Amino acid sequence: MRWEHEGGLRVEAARMRDALPVLALHRDVLAEQDWFITLSEEFTAGLDDVGERIRRYAAAENCLFLVARLPRVQVAGFLVVHGGQLSRMRHTGKLEVMVAKGQRGRGIGRALLAACVEWAEASPVVMKLGLSVFASNARAIALYEELGFEKEGRRPREYRMADGTYRDDLLLYRFTPSSS
């Protein structure tokens, strides 16, 4: 599975050699403390954990692990779909997307999401993609909506930030055509 985009951007299935750059990118994005609920000091995954996830997701029909590469950049972003593990949830996939700070605004997130949607639409198992995003992240929400995601719900004051303010959590979803 591989998608080519202009500017040399490639989106492809993660391989074991991607574990270290994915782990580094994940840590860097969490250190920004802006986009995810996990604080950098709470993130305990190591290299073996990332490698194991890449291996498991490659073998699972309802999970996905993609990386985005630019010329001379090992991993500019990644996307994972956590497939439901229980029988009644196997048809669902929860998305997580991260793009390196210096690479944002170059279409990497869009390319990762488009590849994910294409994968889900071809899947005989995945019928619904879902995600959670801070309701204040207008740029991400606009991208998700452009790609067919719809608002499913809002959880007011779901997260309490270090400065004492709260952020709402917005839930988005997208059904695949085969789910109708």
N, C-alpha and C. Protein backbone atom coordinates (compact mmCIF):
# COMPACT_ATOMS: atom_id res chain seq x y z
N MET A 1 0.85 -1.16 0.00
CA MET A 1 0.00 0.00 0.00
C MET A 1 0.90 1.23 0.00
N ARG A 2 0.74 2.05 -1.04
CA ARG A 2 1.58 3.24 -1.17
C ARG A 2 0.87 4.28 -2.04
N TRP A 3 0.93 5.53 -1.61
CA TRP A 3 0.34 6.63 -2.35
C TRP A 3 1.43 7.66 -2.61
N GLU A 4 1.49 8.16 -3.84
CA GLU A 4 2.46 9.18 -4.23
C GLU A 4 1.72 10.51 -4.39
N HIS A 5 2.33 11.59 -3.95
CA HIS A 5 1.74 12.92 -4.05
C HIS A 5 2.78 13.87 -4.63
N GLU A 6 2.31 15.04 -5.03
CA GLU A 6 3.25 16.01 -5.60
C GLU A 6 4.26 16.45 -4.54
N GLY A 7 5.38 16.92 -5.00
CA GLY A 7 6.44 17.36 -4.11
C GLY A 7 7.22 16.21 -3.51
N GLY A 8 7.01 15.01 -4.03
CA GLY A 8 7.74 13.85 -3.54
C GLY A 8 7.16 13.23 -2.28
N LEU A 9 6.00 13.71 -1.84
CA LEU A 9 5.38 13.15 -0.64
C LEU A 9 4.88 11.73 -0.93
N ARG A 10 5.25 10.81 -0.06
CA ARG A 10 4.80 9.42 -0.15
C ARG A 10 4.11 9.03 1.14
N VAL A 11 3.00 8.35 1.00
CA VAL A 11 2.30 7.78 2.15
C VAL A 11 2.32 6.27 1.95
N GLU A 12 2.76 5.56 2.98
CA GLU A 12 2.87 4.11 2.86
C GLU A 12 2.71 3.45 4.22
N ALA A 13 2.51 2.14 4.18
CA ALA A 13 2.40 1.37 5.42
C ALA A 13 3.71 1.48 6.20
N ALA A 14 3.58 1.65 7.50
CA ALA A 14 4.76 1.72 8.37
C ALA A 14 5.48 0.38 8.35
N ARG A 15 6.81 0.47 8.46
CA ARG A 15 7.65 -0.73 8.55
C ARG A 15 8.43 -0.66 9.86
N MET A 16 9.03 -1.76 10.22
CA MET A 16 9.76 -1.80 11.49
C MET A 16 10.84 -0.72 11.56
N ARG A 17 11.47 -0.39 10.46
CA ARG A 17 12.52 0.63 10.47
C ARG A 17 11.97 2.02 10.80
N ASP A 18 10.64 2.17 10.75
CA ASP A 18 10.01 3.45 11.05
C ASP A 18 9.77 3.65 12.54
N ALA A 19 9.97 2.63 13.34
CA ALA A 19 9.63 2.71 14.77
C ALA A 19 10.35 3.86 15.46
N LEU A 20 11.64 4.01 15.26
CA LEU A 20 12.39 5.06 15.94
C LEU A 20 11.96 6.46 15.49
N PRO A 21 11.87 6.75 14.17
CA PRO A 21 11.41 8.10 13.80
C PRO A 21 9.97 8.38 14.20
N VAL A 22 9.11 7.37 14.20
CA VAL A 22 7.73 7.57 14.66
C VAL A 22 7.72 7.90 16.15
N LEU A 23 8.49 7.18 16.93
CA LEU A 23 8.57 7.43 18.36
C LEU A 23 9.09 8.85 18.63
N ALA A 24 10.10 9.27 17.91
CA ALA A 24 10.66 10.62 18.09
C ALA A 24 9.64 11.69 17.72
N LEU A 25 8.93 11.49 16.61
CA LEU A 25 7.91 12.45 16.19
C LEU A 25 6.80 12.51 17.23
N HIS A 26 6.37 11.37 17.70
CA HIS A 26 5.31 11.31 18.71
C HIS A 26 5.72 12.11 19.96
N ARG A 27 6.94 11.89 20.42
CA ARG A 27 7.42 12.61 21.61
C ARG A 27 7.50 14.11 21.35
N ASP A 28 7.97 14.51 20.17
CA ASP A 28 8.09 15.93 19.83
C ASP A 28 6.72 16.62 19.80
N VAL A 29 5.73 15.97 19.20
CA VAL A 29 4.40 16.57 19.13
C VAL A 29 3.79 16.68 20.52
N LEU A 30 3.92 15.65 21.32
CA LEU A 30 3.38 15.73 22.68
C LEU A 30 4.08 16.80 23.51
N ALA A 31 5.35 17.03 23.26
CA ALA A 31 6.10 18.07 24.00
C ALA A 31 5.55 19.46 23.72
N GLU A 32 4.89 19.65 22.59
CA GLU A 32 4.27 20.95 22.28
C GLU A 32 3.13 21.26 23.25
N GLN A 33 2.49 20.24 23.80
CA GLN A 33 1.39 20.35 24.75
C GLN A 33 0.19 21.12 24.23
N ASP A 34 -0.03 21.11 22.91
CA ASP A 34 -1.14 21.86 22.34
C ASP A 34 -2.26 21.00 21.77
N TRP A 35 -1.95 19.85 21.24
CA TRP A 35 -2.89 19.15 20.37
C TRP A 35 -3.45 17.85 20.92
N PHE A 36 -2.85 17.30 21.95
CA PHE A 36 -3.25 16.00 22.46
C PHE A 36 -3.44 16.05 23.96
N ILE A 37 -4.23 15.13 24.48
CA ILE A 37 -4.50 15.14 25.92
C ILE A 37 -3.36 14.54 26.72
N THR A 38 -2.56 13.69 26.10
CA THR A 38 -1.44 13.07 26.80
C THR A 38 -0.32 14.08 26.98
N LEU A 39 0.15 14.24 28.20
CA LEU A 39 1.31 15.09 28.45
C LEU A 39 2.57 14.30 28.13
N SER A 40 3.63 14.97 27.75
CA SER A 40 4.85 14.27 27.36
C SER A 40 5.38 13.37 28.48
N GLU A 41 5.25 13.81 29.73
CA GLU A 41 5.74 12.98 30.83
C GLU A 41 4.85 11.75 31.09
N GLU A 42 3.64 11.74 30.54
CA GLU A 42 2.74 10.60 30.68
C GLU A 42 2.93 9.56 29.58
N PHE A 43 3.62 9.94 28.54
CA PHE A 43 3.83 9.05 27.40
C PHE A 43 4.97 8.09 27.73
N THR A 44 4.66 6.82 27.86
CA THR A 44 5.65 5.84 28.31
C THR A 44 6.05 4.83 27.24
N ALA A 45 5.48 4.94 26.05
CA ALA A 45 5.82 3.97 25.00
C ALA A 45 7.29 4.07 24.64
N GLY A 46 7.89 2.93 24.38
CA GLY A 46 9.28 2.86 23.96
C GLY A 46 9.38 2.29 22.56
N LEU A 47 10.60 2.12 22.12
CA LEU A 47 10.86 1.63 20.78
C LEU A 47 10.23 0.26 20.54
N ASP A 48 10.35 -0.63 21.49
CA ASP A 48 9.75 -1.96 21.35
C ASP A 48 8.23 -1.89 21.22
N ASP A 49 7.61 -0.96 21.97
CA ASP A 49 6.16 -0.81 21.92
C ASP A 49 5.70 -0.35 20.53
N VAL A 50 6.41 0.62 19.97
CA VAL A 50 6.06 1.13 18.64
C VAL A 50 6.27 0.04 17.60
N GLY A 51 7.38 -0.66 17.68
CA GLY A 51 7.64 -1.75 16.75
C GLY A 51 6.58 -2.83 16.83
N GLU A 52 6.17 -3.17 18.03
CA GLU A 52 5.13 -4.18 18.21
C GLU A 52 3.80 -3.71 17.63
N ARG A 53 3.49 -2.44 17.80
CA ARG A 53 2.25 -1.91 17.23
C ARG A 53 2.30 -1.95 15.70
N ILE A 54 3.41 -1.58 15.13
CA ILE A 54 3.56 -1.65 13.66
C ILE A 54 3.32 -3.09 13.20
N ARG A 55 3.92 -4.04 13.88
CA ARG A 55 3.77 -5.45 13.51
C ARG A 55 2.32 -5.91 13.65
N ARG A 56 1.70 -5.62 14.78
CA ARG A 56 0.32 -6.04 15.03
C ARG A 56 -0.65 -5.41 14.05
N TYR A 57 -0.48 -4.11 13.79
CA TYR A 57 -1.41 -3.42 12.91
C TYR A 57 -1.29 -3.89 11.47
N ALA A 58 -0.09 -4.27 11.06
CA ALA A 58 0.10 -4.80 9.70
C ALA A 58 -0.64 -6.11 9.52
N ALA A 59 -0.81 -6.87 10.59
CA ALA A 59 -1.47 -8.17 10.52
C ALA A 59 -2.98 -8.11 10.75
N ALA A 60 -3.49 -7.00 11.26
CA ALA A 60 -4.91 -6.89 11.60
C ALA A 60 -5.69 -6.27 10.44
N GLU A 61 -6.84 -6.83 10.14
CA GLU A 61 -7.61 -6.32 9.01
C GLU A 61 -8.40 -5.05 9.34
N ASN A 62 -8.50 -4.69 10.61
CA ASN A 62 -9.23 -3.46 10.96
C ASN A 62 -8.35 -2.40 11.61
N CYS A 63 -7.03 -2.53 11.44
CA CYS A 63 -6.07 -1.55 11.97
C CYS A 63 -5.18 -1.07 10.83
N LEU A 64 -4.64 0.11 10.99
CA LEU A 64 -3.78 0.69 9.95
C LEU A 64 -2.70 1.53 10.62
N PHE A 65 -1.51 1.49 10.05
CA PHE A 65 -0.40 2.33 10.53
C PHE A 65 0.31 2.85 9.29
N LEU A 66 0.12 4.13 9.00
CA LEU A 66 0.72 4.77 7.84
C LEU A 66 1.78 5.78 8.27
N VAL A 67 2.79 5.96 7.42
CA VAL A 67 3.76 7.04 7.59
C VAL A 67 3.78 7.87 6.33
N ALA A 68 4.11 9.14 6.50
CA ALA A 68 4.27 10.06 5.37
C ALA A 68 5.74 10.44 5.31
N ARG A 69 6.28 10.40 4.10
CA ARG A 69 7.69 10.74 3.89
C ARG A 69 7.80 11.84 2.84
N LEU A 70 8.72 12.74 3.10
CA LEU A 70 9.12 13.74 2.11
C LEU A 70 10.56 13.43 1.72
N PRO A 71 11.00 13.91 0.56
CA PRO A 71 12.42 13.71 0.22
C PRO A 71 13.31 14.25 1.34
N ARG A 72 14.29 13.47 1.74
CA ARG A 72 15.26 13.81 2.78
C ARG A 72 14.65 13.92 4.18
N VAL A 73 13.40 13.45 4.35
CA VAL A 73 12.76 13.43 5.66
C VAL A 73 12.31 11.99 5.90
N GLN A 74 12.81 11.39 6.96
CA GLN A 74 12.51 9.98 7.20
C GLN A 74 11.02 9.77 7.44
N VAL A 75 10.42 10.45 8.42
CA VAL A 75 8.99 10.38 8.69
C VAL A 75 8.52 11.79 9.03
N ALA A 76 7.64 12.33 8.19
CA ALA A 76 7.12 13.67 8.40
C ALA A 76 5.80 13.66 9.15
N GLY A 77 5.15 12.50 9.19
CA GLY A 77 3.89 12.36 9.90
C GLY A 77 3.47 10.91 9.91
N PHE A 78 2.50 10.61 10.75
CA PHE A 78 1.97 9.25 10.77
C PHE A 78 0.50 9.27 11.16
N LEU A 79 -0.18 8.19 10.82
CA LEU A 79 -1.59 8.02 11.12
C LEU A 79 -1.79 6.57 11.56
N VAL A 80 -2.56 6.40 12.61
CA VAL A 80 -2.93 5.05 13.03
C VAL A 80 -4.45 4.96 13.13
N VAL A 81 -4.95 3.80 12.80
CA VAL A 81 -6.36 3.47 13.02
C VAL A 81 -6.35 2.32 14.01
N HIS A 82 -6.91 2.57 15.17
CA HIS A 82 -7.04 1.55 16.21
C HIS A 82 -8.36 0.84 15.97
N GLY A 83 -8.33 -0.34 15.41
CA GLY A 83 -9.55 -1.10 15.15
C GLY A 83 -10.15 -1.64 16.43
N GLY A 84 -11.47 -1.67 16.46
CA GLY A 84 -12.17 -2.20 17.63
C GLY A 84 -11.77 -3.65 17.89
N GLN A 85 -11.47 -3.97 19.14
CA GLN A 85 -11.01 -5.31 19.50
C GLN A 85 -12.15 -6.25 19.89
N LEU A 86 -13.25 -5.70 20.36
CA LEU A 86 -14.39 -6.53 20.73
C LEU A 86 -15.24 -6.82 19.50
N SER A 87 -15.91 -7.96 19.51
CA SER A 87 -16.70 -8.38 18.34
C SER A 87 -17.68 -7.30 17.89
N ARG A 88 -18.33 -6.66 18.82
CA ARG A 88 -19.33 -5.64 18.46
C ARG A 88 -18.71 -4.31 18.05
N MET A 89 -17.38 -4.23 18.12
CA MET A 89 -16.70 -2.98 17.76
C MET A 89 -15.71 -3.17 16.61
N ARG A 90 -15.58 -4.37 16.08
CA ARG A 90 -14.59 -4.64 15.03
C ARG A 90 -14.78 -3.76 13.80
N HIS A 91 -15.99 -3.30 13.56
CA HIS A 91 -16.28 -2.50 12.37
C HIS A 91 -15.87 -1.03 12.52
N THR A 92 -15.40 -0.65 13.70
CA THR A 92 -15.01 0.74 13.94
C THR A 92 -13.50 0.89 14.01
N GLY A 93 -13.04 2.08 13.65
CA GLY A 93 -11.63 2.41 13.76
C GLY A 93 -11.49 3.82 14.30
N LYS A 94 -10.66 3.98 15.31
CA LYS A 94 -10.40 5.30 15.89
C LYS A 94 -9.07 5.83 15.36
N LEU A 95 -9.10 7.04 14.84
CA LEU A 95 -7.94 7.66 14.20
C LEU A 95 -7.09 8.48 15.16
N GLU A 96 -5.81 8.48 14.86
CA GLU A 96 -4.86 9.37 15.53
C GLU A 96 -3.87 9.81 14.44
N VAL A 97 -3.67 11.10 14.31
CA VAL A 97 -2.78 11.65 13.27
C VAL A 97 -1.81 12.61 13.93
N MET A 98 -0.54 12.51 13.54
CA MET A 98 0.48 13.45 14.01
C MET A 98 1.37 13.85 12.84
N VAL A 99 1.64 15.14 12.75
CA VAL A 99 2.54 15.68 11.72
C VAL A 99 3.60 16.51 12.43
N ALA A 100 4.84 16.34 12.03
CA ALA A 100 5.95 17.08 12.63
C ALA A 100 5.71 18.57 12.52
N LYS A 101 6.03 19.30 13.55
CA LYS A 101 5.77 20.75 13.60
C LYS A 101 6.32 21.48 12.38
N GLY A 102 7.53 21.20 11.99
CA GLY A 102 8.14 21.89 10.85
C GLY A 102 7.59 21.47 9.49
N GLN A 103 6.72 20.47 9.48
CA GLN A 103 6.18 19.96 8.21
C GLN A 103 4.70 20.28 8.03
N ARG A 104 4.08 20.93 8.99
CA ARG A 104 2.64 21.23 8.90
C ARG A 104 2.37 22.26 7.82
N GLY A 105 1.18 22.17 7.26
CA GLY A 105 0.78 23.11 6.22
C GLY A 105 1.26 22.72 4.84
N ARG A 106 1.79 21.51 4.70
CA ARG A 106 2.32 21.04 3.41
C ARG A 106 1.47 19.93 2.80
N GLY A 107 0.29 19.67 3.37
CA GLY A 107 -0.60 18.65 2.83
C GLY A 107 -0.35 17.25 3.36
N ILE A 108 0.49 17.13 4.37
CA ILE A 108 0.83 15.80 4.90
C ILE A 108 -0.37 15.19 5.62
N GLY A 109 -1.00 15.95 6.48
CA GLY A 109 -2.19 15.44 7.19
C GLY A 109 -3.29 15.05 6.21
N ARG A 110 -3.51 15.89 5.22
CA ARG A 110 -4.53 15.61 4.20
C ARG A 110 -4.20 14.31 3.45
N ALA A 111 -2.93 14.13 3.08
CA ALA A 111 -2.53 12.93 2.34
C ALA A 111 -2.71 11.68 3.21
N LEU A 112 -2.33 11.76 4.47
CA LEU A 112 -2.51 10.63 5.38
C LEU A 112 -3.98 10.29 5.54
N LEU A 113 -4.80 11.30 5.75
CA LEU A 113 -6.24 11.06 5.93
C LEU A 113 -6.89 10.53 4.66
N ALA A 114 -6.50 11.06 3.51
CA ALA A 114 -7.08 10.58 2.24
C ALA A 114 -6.72 9.11 2.02
N ALA A 115 -5.50 8.73 2.33
CA ALA A 115 -5.09 7.33 2.20
C ALA A 115 -5.88 6.46 3.17
N CYS A 116 -6.10 6.95 4.37
CA CYS A 116 -6.87 6.22 5.37
C CYS A 116 -8.31 6.00 4.91
N VAL A 117 -8.93 7.05 4.38
CA VAL A 117 -10.31 6.93 3.89
C VAL A 117 -10.38 5.93 2.75
N GLU A 118 -9.42 5.99 1.84
CA GLU A 118 -9.38 5.03 0.73
C GLU A 118 -9.25 3.60 1.26
N TRP A 119 -8.37 3.39 2.22
CA TRP A 119 -8.21 2.08 2.84
C TRP A 119 -9.51 1.61 3.48
N ALA A 120 -10.16 2.49 4.26
CA ALA A 120 -11.40 2.12 4.95
C ALA A 120 -12.51 1.78 3.96
N GLU A 121 -12.59 2.55 2.88
CA GLU A 121 -13.63 2.29 1.88
C GLU A 121 -13.42 0.95 1.17
N ALA A 122 -12.19 0.48 1.10
CA ALA A 122 -11.90 -0.82 0.47
C ALA A 122 -11.97 -1.97 1.48
N SER A 123 -12.06 -1.65 2.75
CA SER A 123 -12.03 -2.68 3.80
C SER A 123 -13.35 -3.44 3.87
N PRO A 124 -13.27 -4.76 3.97
CA PRO A 124 -14.50 -5.54 4.17
C PRO A 124 -14.96 -5.51 5.64
N VAL A 125 -14.14 -4.94 6.52
CA VAL A 125 -14.43 -4.96 7.96
C VAL A 125 -14.80 -3.57 8.48
N VAL A 126 -14.01 -2.55 8.15
CA VAL A 126 -14.19 -1.22 8.73
C VAL A 126 -15.37 -0.51 8.07
N MET A 127 -16.34 -0.15 8.89
CA MET A 127 -17.54 0.54 8.41
C MET A 127 -17.65 1.97 8.93
N LYS A 128 -16.86 2.28 9.96
CA LYS A 128 -16.95 3.62 10.57
C LYS A 128 -15.58 4.02 11.09
N LEU A 129 -15.17 5.22 10.70
CA LEU A 129 -13.96 5.84 11.24
C LEU A 129 -14.40 6.92 12.22
N GLY A 130 -13.72 7.03 13.33
CA GLY A 130 -14.05 8.04 14.31
C GLY A 130 -12.79 8.69 14.84
N LEU A 131 -12.95 9.87 15.40
CA LEU A 131 -11.82 10.56 15.99
C LEU A 131 -12.30 11.57 17.01
N SER A 132 -11.37 12.02 17.80
CA SER A 132 -11.63 13.01 18.83
C SER A 132 -10.63 14.14 18.62
N VAL A 133 -11.10 15.38 18.71
CA VAL A 133 -10.24 16.54 18.48
C VAL A 133 -10.67 17.67 19.42
N PHE A 134 -9.71 18.46 19.88
CA PHE A 134 -10.09 19.63 20.67
C PHE A 134 -11.03 20.48 19.82
N ALA A 135 -12.15 20.90 20.40
CA ALA A 135 -13.13 21.70 19.67
C ALA A 135 -12.56 23.04 19.23
N SER A 136 -11.47 23.47 19.81
CA SER A 136 -10.83 24.74 19.44
C SER A 136 -9.86 24.59 18.27
N ASN A 137 -9.63 23.37 17.78
CA ASN A 137 -8.68 23.13 16.70
C ASN A 137 -9.40 23.26 15.35
N ALA A 138 -9.73 24.50 15.00
CA ALA A 138 -10.54 24.77 13.80
C ALA A 138 -9.88 24.27 12.51
N ARG A 139 -8.58 24.39 12.42
CA ARG A 139 -7.87 23.96 11.20
C ARG A 139 -8.03 22.46 10.97
N ALA A 140 -7.84 21.67 12.02
CA ALA A 140 -7.99 20.22 11.90
C ALA A 140 -9.44 19.85 11.61
N ILE A 141 -10.37 20.49 12.29
CA ILE A 141 -11.79 20.19 12.09
C ILE A 141 -12.19 20.48 10.65
N ALA A 142 -11.73 21.59 10.10
CA ALA A 142 -12.05 21.93 8.70
C ALA A 142 -11.52 20.85 7.76
N LEU A 143 -10.32 20.36 7.99
CA LEU A 143 -9.76 19.30 7.16
C LEU A 143 -10.60 18.02 7.27
N TYR A 144 -10.93 17.63 8.49
CA TYR A 144 -11.74 16.42 8.67
C TYR A 144 -13.09 16.55 7.94
N GLU A 145 -13.71 17.70 8.07
CA GLU A 145 -15.01 17.91 7.41
C GLU A 145 -14.87 17.90 5.89
N GLU A 146 -13.79 18.45 5.35
CA GLU A 146 -13.55 18.41 3.90
C GLU A 146 -13.46 16.97 3.40
N LEU A 147 -12.98 16.08 4.27
CA LEU A 147 -12.82 14.67 3.89
C LEU A 147 -14.02 13.82 4.28
N GLY A 148 -15.14 14.47 4.60
CA GLY A 148 -16.39 13.74 4.81
C GLY A 148 -16.72 13.37 6.24
N PHE A 149 -15.93 13.82 7.20
CA PHE A 149 -16.25 13.53 8.60
C PHE A 149 -17.34 14.48 9.06
N GLU A 150 -18.21 13.98 9.92
CA GLU A 150 -19.31 14.76 10.45
C GLU A 150 -19.23 14.80 11.97
N LYS A 151 -19.83 15.84 12.54
CA LYS A 151 -19.84 15.96 14.00
C LYS A 151 -20.80 14.93 14.59
N GLU A 152 -20.30 14.22 15.56
CA GLU A 152 -21.09 13.19 16.23
C GLU A 152 -21.52 13.65 17.62
N GLY A 153 -20.69 14.44 18.24
CA GLY A 153 -21.02 14.91 19.58
C GLY A 153 -19.93 15.81 20.13
N ARG A 154 -20.24 16.39 21.25
CA ARG A 154 -19.30 17.30 21.91
C ARG A 154 -19.33 16.99 23.40
N ARG A 155 -18.14 16.91 23.99
CA ARG A 155 -18.03 16.68 25.42
C ARG A 155 -17.48 17.96 26.05
N PRO A 156 -18.37 18.79 26.59
CA PRO A 156 -17.94 20.07 27.16
C PRO A 156 -17.00 19.90 28.35
N ARG A 157 -15.99 20.77 28.39
CA ARG A 157 -15.03 20.82 29.50
C ARG A 157 -14.46 19.44 29.82
N GLU A 158 -14.17 18.68 28.79
CA GLU A 158 -13.66 17.32 28.97
C GLU A 158 -12.23 17.30 29.49
N TYR A 159 -11.44 18.31 29.11
CA TYR A 159 -10.03 18.31 29.48
C TYR A 159 -9.68 19.59 30.24
N ARG A 160 -8.97 19.42 31.33
CA ARG A 160 -8.52 20.57 32.12
C ARG A 160 -7.04 20.78 31.83
N MET A 161 -6.72 21.96 31.35
CA MET A 161 -5.36 22.29 30.95
C MET A 161 -4.55 22.75 32.16
N ALA A 162 -3.24 22.81 32.00
CA ALA A 162 -2.33 23.18 33.09
C ALA A 162 -2.64 24.56 33.66
N ASP A 163 -3.15 25.47 32.82
CA ASP A 163 -3.44 26.83 33.28
C ASP A 163 -4.81 26.95 33.94
N GLY A 164 -5.52 25.81 34.09
CA GLY A 164 -6.82 25.81 34.74
C GLY A 164 -8.00 25.99 33.80
N THR A 165 -7.74 26.30 32.53
CA THR A 165 -8.83 26.42 31.57
C THR A 165 -9.26 25.03 31.10
N TYR A 166 -10.40 24.99 30.46
CA TYR A 166 -10.93 23.72 29.97
C TYR A 166 -11.02 23.74 28.45
N ARG A 167 -10.98 22.56 27.88
CA ARG A 167 -11.20 22.39 26.44
C ARG A 167 -12.29 21.36 26.23
N ASP A 168 -13.15 21.67 25.27
CA ASP A 168 -14.18 20.72 24.88
C ASP A 168 -13.58 19.70 23.91
N ASP A 169 -14.13 18.52 23.93
CA ASP A 169 -13.73 17.45 23.03
C ASP A 169 -14.82 17.30 21.97
N LEU A 170 -14.44 17.32 20.72
CA LEU A 170 -15.37 17.16 19.61
C LEU A 170 -15.17 15.78 19.01
N LEU A 171 -16.25 15.04 18.85
CA LEU A 171 -16.21 13.71 18.27
C LEU A 171 -16.69 13.79 16.83
N LEU A 172 -15.91 13.22 15.92
CA LEU A 172 -16.27 13.21 14.49
C LEU A 172 -16.27 11.77 14.00
N TYR A 173 -17.04 11.51 12.95
CA TYR A 173 -17.09 10.19 12.38
C TYR A 173 -17.27 10.27 10.87
N ARG A 174 -17.03 9.15 10.23
CA ARG A 174 -17.26 9.02 8.79
C ARG A 174 -17.58 7.56 8.52
N PHE A 175 -18.76 7.31 7.93
CA PHE A 175 -19.12 5.96 7.54
C PHE A 175 -18.49 5.64 6.19
N THR A 176 -18.22 4.37 5.95
CA THR A 176 -17.75 3.96 4.62
C THR A 176 -18.97 3.63 3.78
N PRO A 177 -18.85 3.71 2.45
CA PRO A 177 -20.01 3.41 1.59
C PRO A 177 -20.59 2.03 1.83
N SER A 178 -19.78 1.06 2.20
CA SER A 178 -20.28 -0.30 2.40
C SER A 178 -21.10 -0.45 3.67
N SER A 179 -21.14 0.59 4.51
CA SER A 179 -21.89 0.50 5.77
C SER A 179 -23.36 0.83 5.60
N SER A 180 -23.76 1.29 4.43
CA SER A 180 -25.15 1.69 4.21
C SER A 180 -26.08 0.51 4.19
